[in-house]
Protein backbone atom coordinates (compact mmCIF):
# COMPACT_ATOMS: atom_id res chain seq x y z
CA UNK A 1 0.00 0.00 0.00
CA UNK A 2 1.09 3.56 -0.66
CA UNK A 3 0.34 6.81 1.18
CA UNK A 4 1.06 10.43 0.31
CA UNK A 5 1.14 13.71 2.17
CA UNK A 6 -1.82 15.73 0.92
CA UNK A 7 0.35 18.84 0.67
CA UNK A 8 3.86 17.64 -0.01
CA UNK A 9 5.17 21.19 -0.53
CA UNK A 10 4.75 21.89 3.19
CA UNK A 11 6.33 18.76 4.68
CA UNK A 12 9.87 18.83 6.07
CA UNK A 13 11.98 15.97 7.42
CA UNK A 14 14.53 17.24 9.95
CA UNK A 15 17.85 15.66 10.86
CA UNK A 16 16.87 15.32 14.51
CA UNK A 17 14.18 12.81 13.49
CA UNK A 18 11.26 15.16 13.46
CA UNK A 19 8.72 15.56 10.72
CA UNK A 20 7.09 18.96 10.45
CA UNK A 21 3.90 19.70 8.55
CA UNK A 22 3.21 23.36 7.86
CA UNK A 23 -0.52 23.71 7.22
CA UNK A 24 -3.12 26.45 7.34
CA UNK A 25 -3.55 25.87 11.07
CA UNK A 26 0.14 26.33 11.83
CA UNK A 27 3.19 24.11 12.18
CA UNK A 28 2.63 20.58 13.49
CA UNK A 29 5.18 17.97 14.57
CA UNK A 30 3.78 14.71 13.24
CA UNK A 31 5.99 12.02 14.75
CA UNK A 32 6.13 10.92 18.35
CA UNK A 33 8.50 7.97 18.06
CA UNK A 34 11.42 6.76 15.95
CA UNK A 35 9.20 4.07 14.49
CA UNK A 36 6.65 6.63 13.31
CA UNK A 37 9.41 8.84 11.93
CA UNK A 38 10.73 5.93 9.86
CA UNK A 39 7.23 5.37 8.51
CA UNK A 40 6.82 9.05 7.58
CA UNK A 41 10.21 9.05 5.88
CA UNK A 42 9.15 6.11 3.71
CA UNK A 43 5.97 7.99 2.78
CA UNK A 44 7.98 11.13 2.05
CA UNK A 45 10.24 9.15 -0.31
CA UNK A 46 7.25 7.57 -2.07
CA UNK A 47 7.96 4.02 -0.92
CA UNK A 48 5.37 1.29 -0.45
CA UNK A 49 4.22 0.61 3.10
CA UNK A 50 4.23 -3.07 4.05
CA UNK A 51 1.30 -4.75 5.77
CA UNK A 52 3.49 -5.14 8.85
CA UNK A 53 4.37 -1.42 8.94
CA UNK A 54 0.71 -0.56 8.50
CA UNK A 55 -0.39 -2.82 11.36
CA UNK A 56 2.30 -1.47 13.73
CA UNK A 57 1.34 2.14 12.94
CA UNK A 58 -2.36 1.71 12.26
CA UNK A 59 -3.69 4.22 14.78
CA UNK A 60 -1.02 6.79 13.84
CA UNK A 61 -1.83 6.51 10.13
CA UNK A 62 -5.57 6.77 10.77
CA UNK A 63 -5.02 9.88 12.88
CA UNK A 64 -3.04 11.56 10.10
CA UNK A 65 -5.65 10.62 7.49
CA UNK A 66 -8.40 12.04 9.70
CA UNK A 67 -6.43 15.28 10.04
CA UNK A 68 -6.05 15.26 6.24
CA UNK A 69 -2.26 15.19 6.38
CA UNK A 70 -2.12 11.82 4.60
CA UNK A 71 -4.12 10.13 1.89
CA UNK A 72 -3.98 6.59 0.55
CA UNK A 73 -3.52 5.79 -3.13
CA UNK A 74 -6.10 3.25 -4.28
CA UNK A 75 -4.48 -0.07 -5.23
CA UNK A 76 -6.36 -0.19 -8.54
CA UNK A 77 -4.38 2.84 -9.77
CA UNK A 78 -0.88 1.76 -10.74
CA UNK A 79 2.16 4.01 -10.84
CA UNK A 80 2.62 3.33 -14.56
CA UNK A 81 -0.98 4.30 -15.38
CA UNK A 82 -1.65 7.38 -17.49
CA UNK A 83 -3.92 8.84 -14.80
CA UNK A 84 -1.66 8.08 -11.80
CA UNK A 85 0.07 11.46 -11.41
CA UNK A 86 -3.17 13.34 -12.00
CA UNK A 87 -4.81 11.18 -9.35
CA UNK A 88 -1.94 12.01 -6.96
CA UNK A 89 -2.32 15.72 -7.68
CA UNK A 90 -6.10 15.76 -7.16
CA UNK A 91 -5.69 13.94 -3.85
CA UNK A 92 -2.86 16.15 -2.63
CA UNK A 93 -4.74 19.35 -3.50
CA UNK A 94 -7.88 18.12 -1.73
CA UNK A 95 -9.90 18.25 -4.97
CA UNK A 96 -10.89 14.62 -4.47
CA UNK A 97 -10.78 12.26 -1.52
CA UNK A 98 -10.86 8.91 -3.28
CA UNK A 99 -10.68 7.15 -6.63
CA UNK A 100 -14.45 6.97 -7.00
CA UNK A 101 -14.62 10.75 -7.34
CA UNK A 102 -12.13 10.60 -10.19
CA UNK A 103 -14.20 7.91 -11.88
CA UNK A 104 -17.32 10.08 -11.47
CA UNK A 105 -15.47 12.94 -13.17
CA UNK A 106 -14.38 10.70 -16.04
CA UNK A 107 -18.01 9.73 -16.71
CA UNK A 108 -19.31 13.31 -17.01
CA UNK A 109 -20.57 14.41 -20.43
CA UNK A 110 -19.35 17.62 -22.07
CA UNK A 111 -20.85 19.39 -25.09
CA UNK A 112 -18.26 21.53 -26.90
CA UNK A 113 -19.50 23.98 -29.52
CA UNK A 114 -16.79 25.35 -31.79
CA UNK A 115 -13.48 23.54 -32.35
CA UNK A 116 -11.05 26.45 -32.51
CA UNK A 117 -7.91 27.25 -30.57
CA UNK A 118 -9.64 27.45 -27.17
CA UNK A 119 -11.71 24.29 -27.53
CA UNK A 120 -8.88 22.13 -28.80
CA UNK A 121 -6.61 22.86 -25.85
CA UNK A 122 -9.52 22.13 -23.50
CA UNK A 123 -10.00 18.79 -25.24
CA UNK A 124 -6.31 18.04 -24.72
CA UNK A 125 -6.81 18.56 -20.97
CA UNK A 126 -10.01 16.50 -20.82
CA UNK A 127 -8.55 13.51 -22.66
CA UNK A 128 -5.54 13.67 -20.33
CA UNK A 129 -8.04 13.08 -17.51
CA UNK A 130 -9.57 10.16 -19.45
CA UNK A 131 -12.93 11.92 -19.63
CA UNK A 132 -15.04 9.53 -21.71
CA UNK A 133 -18.17 11.36 -22.95
CA UNK A 134 -18.02 14.08 -25.62
CA UNK A 135 -20.42 15.84 -27.93
CA UNK A 136 -18.51 18.00 -30.42
CA UNK A 137 -19.96 20.54 -32.86
CA UNK A 138 -18.25 22.42 -35.69
CA UNK A 139 -18.97 23.01 -39.38
CA UNK A 140 -15.49 23.98 -40.55
CA UNK A 141 -12.59 22.28 -42.27
CA UNK A 142 -8.95 22.62 -41.21
CA UNK A 143 -7.19 25.50 -42.95
CA UNK A 144 -3.46 26.14 -42.96
CA UNK A 145 -3.94 29.41 -41.04
CA UNK A 146 -5.50 27.41 -38.17
CA UNK A 147 -2.18 25.77 -37.38
CA UNK A 148 -0.75 28.77 -35.50
CA UNK A 149 -3.04 28.05 -32.54
CA UNK A 150 -5.03 24.84 -33.15
CA UNK A 151 -2.27 22.47 -32.14
CA UNK A 152 -4.20 19.23 -32.52
CA UNK A 153 -4.08 19.67 -36.30
CA UNK A 154 -1.16 19.32 -38.73
CA UNK A 155 -0.52 19.74 -42.45
CA UNK A 156 -2.02 16.34 -43.24
CA UNK A 157 -5.36 17.49 -41.79
CA UNK A 158 -5.81 20.48 -44.11
CA UNK A 159 -9.11 20.21 -45.96
CA UNK A 160 -10.57 17.66 -43.53
CA UNK A 161 -13.53 18.34 -41.25
CA UNK A 162 -12.48 19.36 -37.76
CA UNK A 163 -15.03 17.11 -36.05
CA UNK A 164 -13.53 14.05 -37.78
CA UNK A 165 -9.98 14.85 -36.69
CA UNK A 166 -11.04 15.65 -33.12
CA UNK A 167 -13.10 12.47 -32.85
CA UNK A 168 -10.11 10.43 -34.00
CA UNK A 169 -7.85 12.15 -31.47
CA UNK A 170 -10.23 11.52 -28.56
CA UNK A 171 -10.66 7.85 -29.44
CA UNK A 172 -6.90 7.40 -29.82
CA UNK A 173 -6.23 8.75 -26.32
CA UNK A 174 -9.23 7.56 -24.28
CA UNK A 175 -10.20 3.90 -24.11
CA UNK A 176 -13.91 3.29 -24.73
CA UNK A 177 -14.57 6.98 -25.42
CA UNK A 178 -18.09 7.95 -26.46
CA UNK A 179 -18.06 10.70 -29.10
CA UNK A 180 -21.10 12.20 -30.82
CA UNK A 181 -20.10 14.61 -33.57
CA UNK A 182 -22.11 17.21 -35.46
CA UNK A 183 -20.66 18.65 -38.62
CA UNK A 184 -22.91 21.70 -38.66
CA UNK A 185 -23.17 25.40 -37.96
CA UNK A 186 -25.36 26.46 -35.03
CA UNK A 187 -27.88 28.93 -36.45
CA UNK A 188 -30.76 28.79 -33.98
CA UNK A 189 -31.86 27.74 -30.52
CA UNK A 190 -33.58 24.76 -32.13
CA UNK A 191 -30.22 23.51 -33.43
CA UNK A 192 -28.89 23.35 -29.87
CA UNK A 193 -32.15 21.93 -28.51
CA UNK A 194 -32.02 19.08 -31.01
CA UNK A 195 -28.45 18.21 -30.06
CA UNK A 196 -29.39 18.19 -26.38
CA UNK A 197 -32.41 15.96 -27.01
CA UNK A 198 -30.25 13.48 -28.94
CA UNK A 199 -27.61 13.47 -26.21
CA UNK A 200 -29.22 13.29 -22.76
CA UNK A 201 -27.38 13.81 -19.47
CA UNK A 202 -24.98 16.49 -20.67
CA UNK A 203 -23.39 18.11 -17.62
CA UNK A 204 -21.92 21.26 -19.14
CA UNK A 205 -21.90 23.14 -22.45
CA UNK A 206 -18.66 24.88 -23.38
CA UNK A 207 -19.21 27.71 -25.85
CA UNK A 208 -15.94 28.11 -27.75
CA UNK A 209 -17.57 29.50 -30.89
CA UNK A 210 -17.76 33.16 -31.82
CA UNK A 211 -20.00 33.01 -34.89
CA UNK A 212 -22.49 34.55 -35.11
CA UNK A 213 -21.30 37.05 -32.46
CA UNK A 214 -23.66 37.36 -29.46
CA UNK A 215 -26.25 35.21 -31.22
CA UNK A 216 -24.38 31.96 -30.64
CA UNK A 217 -24.49 32.50 -26.87
CA UNK A 218 -28.16 33.45 -27.01
CA UNK A 219 -28.96 30.24 -28.88
CA UNK A 220 -27.10 28.04 -26.40
CA UNK A 221 -28.30 29.63 -23.16
CA UNK A 222 -31.90 29.76 -24.41
CA UNK A 223 -31.75 26.04 -25.18
CA UNK A 224 -30.55 25.10 -21.66
CA UNK A 225 -32.65 27.62 -19.75
CA UNK A 226 -34.88 24.99 -18.12
CA UNK A 227 -32.30 22.23 -18.04
CA UNK A 228 -29.85 21.18 -15.35
CA UNK A 229 -26.99 21.85 -17.72
CA UNK A 230 -24.22 24.30 -16.87
CA UNK A 231 -22.86 26.83 -19.36
CA UNK A 232 -19.35 28.25 -19.67
CA UNK A 233 -17.99 30.50 -22.41
CA UNK A 234 -14.69 32.12 -23.34
CA UNK A 235 -13.30 34.58 -25.82
CA UNK A 236 -9.87 35.84 -26.90
CA UNK A 237 -9.05 39.32 -28.18
CA UNK A 238 -5.80 41.12 -28.96
CA UNK A 239 -4.92 42.43 -25.49
CA UNK A 240 -7.42 40.62 -23.29
CA UNK A 241 -9.20 37.33 -22.94
CA UNK A 242 -12.29 36.37 -20.99
CA UNK A 243 -13.55 33.20 -19.31
CA UNK A 244 -17.08 32.98 -18.00
CA UNK A 245 -19.55 33.39 -16.68
CA UNK A 246 -20.25 29.87 -15.51
CA UNK A 247 -24.04 29.62 -15.32
CA UNK A 248 -25.70 26.81 -13.40
CA UNK A 249 -29.25 27.93 -12.57
CA UNK A 250 -32.19 29.42 -14.45
CA UNK A 251 -32.12 32.84 -12.79
CA UNK A 252 -28.52 33.53 -13.72
CA UNK A 253 -29.08 32.22 -17.24
CA UNK A 254 -32.02 34.64 -17.64
CA UNK A 255 -29.93 37.55 -16.32
CA UNK A 256 -27.17 36.67 -18.77
CA UNK A 257 -29.61 36.49 -21.66
CA UNK A 258 -31.08 39.87 -20.73
CA UNK A 259 -27.59 41.40 -20.78
CA UNK A 260 -26.92 39.88 -24.20
CA UNK A 261 -30.20 41.29 -25.49
CA UNK A 262 -29.37 44.75 -24.15
CA UNK A 263 -25.97 44.61 -25.83
CA UNK A 264 -27.58 43.66 -29.10
CA UNK A 265 -30.05 46.56 -28.83
CA UNK A 266 -27.34 49.22 -28.51
CA UNK A 267 -24.79 47.80 -30.96
CA UNK A 268 -25.00 48.58 -34.64
CA UNK A 269 -22.85 45.56 -35.52
CA UNK A 270 -20.65 43.03 -33.79
CA UNK A 271 -17.36 41.79 -35.21
CA UNK A 272 -14.85 39.15 -34.24
CA UNK A 273 -11.14 39.76 -33.75
CA UNK A 274 -9.45 38.95 -37.09
CA UNK A 275 -6.06 38.12 -35.58
CA UNK A 276 -5.21 35.23 -33.30
CA UNK A 277 -2.13 34.10 -31.35
CA UNK A 278 -1.42 30.61 -30.06
CA UNK A 279 -0.13 31.71 -26.66
CA UNK A 280 -3.11 33.90 -25.76
CA UNK A 281 -5.53 31.23 -26.96
CA UNK A 282 -3.75 28.69 -24.77
CA UNK A 283 -3.77 30.93 -21.69
CA UNK A 284 -7.54 31.36 -21.87
CA UNK A 285 -8.25 27.76 -22.78
CA UNK A 286 -6.25 26.43 -19.82
CA UNK A 287 -8.21 28.64 -17.42
CA UNK A 288 -11.47 27.55 -19.02
CA UNK A 289 -10.48 23.88 -18.83
CA UNK A 290 -9.62 24.23 -15.14
CA UNK A 291 -12.92 25.96 -14.41
CA UNK A 292 -14.79 23.22 -16.27
CA UNK A 293 -12.99 20.44 -14.39
CA UNK A 294 -13.46 22.12 -11.01
CA UNK A 295 -17.18 22.51 -11.70
CA UNK A 296 -17.51 18.85 -12.69
CA UNK A 297 -15.75 17.92 -9.44
CA UNK A 298 -18.27 20.00 -7.47
CA UNK A 299 -15.67 22.56 -6.37
CA UNK A 300 -16.00 26.32 -6.00
CA UNK A 301 -15.08 28.24 -9.14
CA UNK A 302 -14.30 31.98 -9.41
CA UNK A 303 -16.25 32.24 -12.67
CA UNK A 304 -19.55 31.10 -11.15
CA UNK A 305 -21.87 33.92 -12.31
CA UNK A 306 -18.78 36.04 -12.96
CA UNK A 307 -16.41 36.77 -15.82
CA UNK A 308 -12.65 36.46 -15.46
CA UNK A 309 -10.73 38.93 -17.62
CA UNK A 310 -7.00 38.48 -18.25
CA UNK A 311 -4.80 41.30 -19.54
CA UNK A 312 -2.18 39.67 -21.77
CA UNK A 313 0.21 42.59 -21.39
CA UNK A 314 0.74 42.19 -17.64
CA UNK A 315 -1.16 38.96 -16.75
CA UNK A 316 -3.44 40.86 -14.40
CA UNK A 317 -6.74 39.13 -13.78
CA UNK A 318 -9.98 40.92 -12.97
CA UNK A 319 -13.15 39.11 -11.94
CA UNK A 320 -16.49 40.85 -12.30
């Protein structure tokens, strides 16, 4: 069996055979005997704990687990597994408490509308987690000028439909992946409603499309207004990028729609940024992916009913 400190960054082994854990509640000395120190040193070095060691230190280990200093790695996750280090990280950062929570995350269903630079990096992060259920929507083919930011694609993909390439990528990286693909342009609320009806139990919709401006968000949010489906959007400009808001209930979805409608009333036209840069796309997509994953894990997210704005010139972040 194998145990880990939940926050390894704050654990120190001292030469006088003391182990110190520096947590939010102050500095704690964890060992009270040489035997327990030897056990903690093995844990610190990532070594397996024998059944005999576990039995001799059973009460001590249980006490540390209860205090959330230690966590146990489930035996069904092997060190050579693709998901092992992610599992370690999620445990150590208190995002999950056991392997079942990771399995629950992997079985969530995500609808991704628009397969541009933001969406594709999010997909890279989701397949790294072995998330199994995807619904992907895009009408476009791969063009050479996509390759500066849409890193899933290469020269051999030019002229092929994006949904086909993305489906192939997901299936190549996730065993038993379920992928529903729609090679179409979203032009109405009904388009989104039909996709939702054909794919029940979607947990979150990620809007990574920007065409038609404003309208695309109106179509999506209107379609999920009465559904228990979360919504998260993002956009990338020249100097700034935005993630959010994350919308999870009907009231906030209505408020968001009203704001979109007001914007449409006062604007003569809406245009998209013609230029795009791989680095800024990646910055925003990584934040969006993290917000999506945290939501699916049931954790607090700063973009819940708020928008996170990043200034690319100085990396300052503003949440409104």
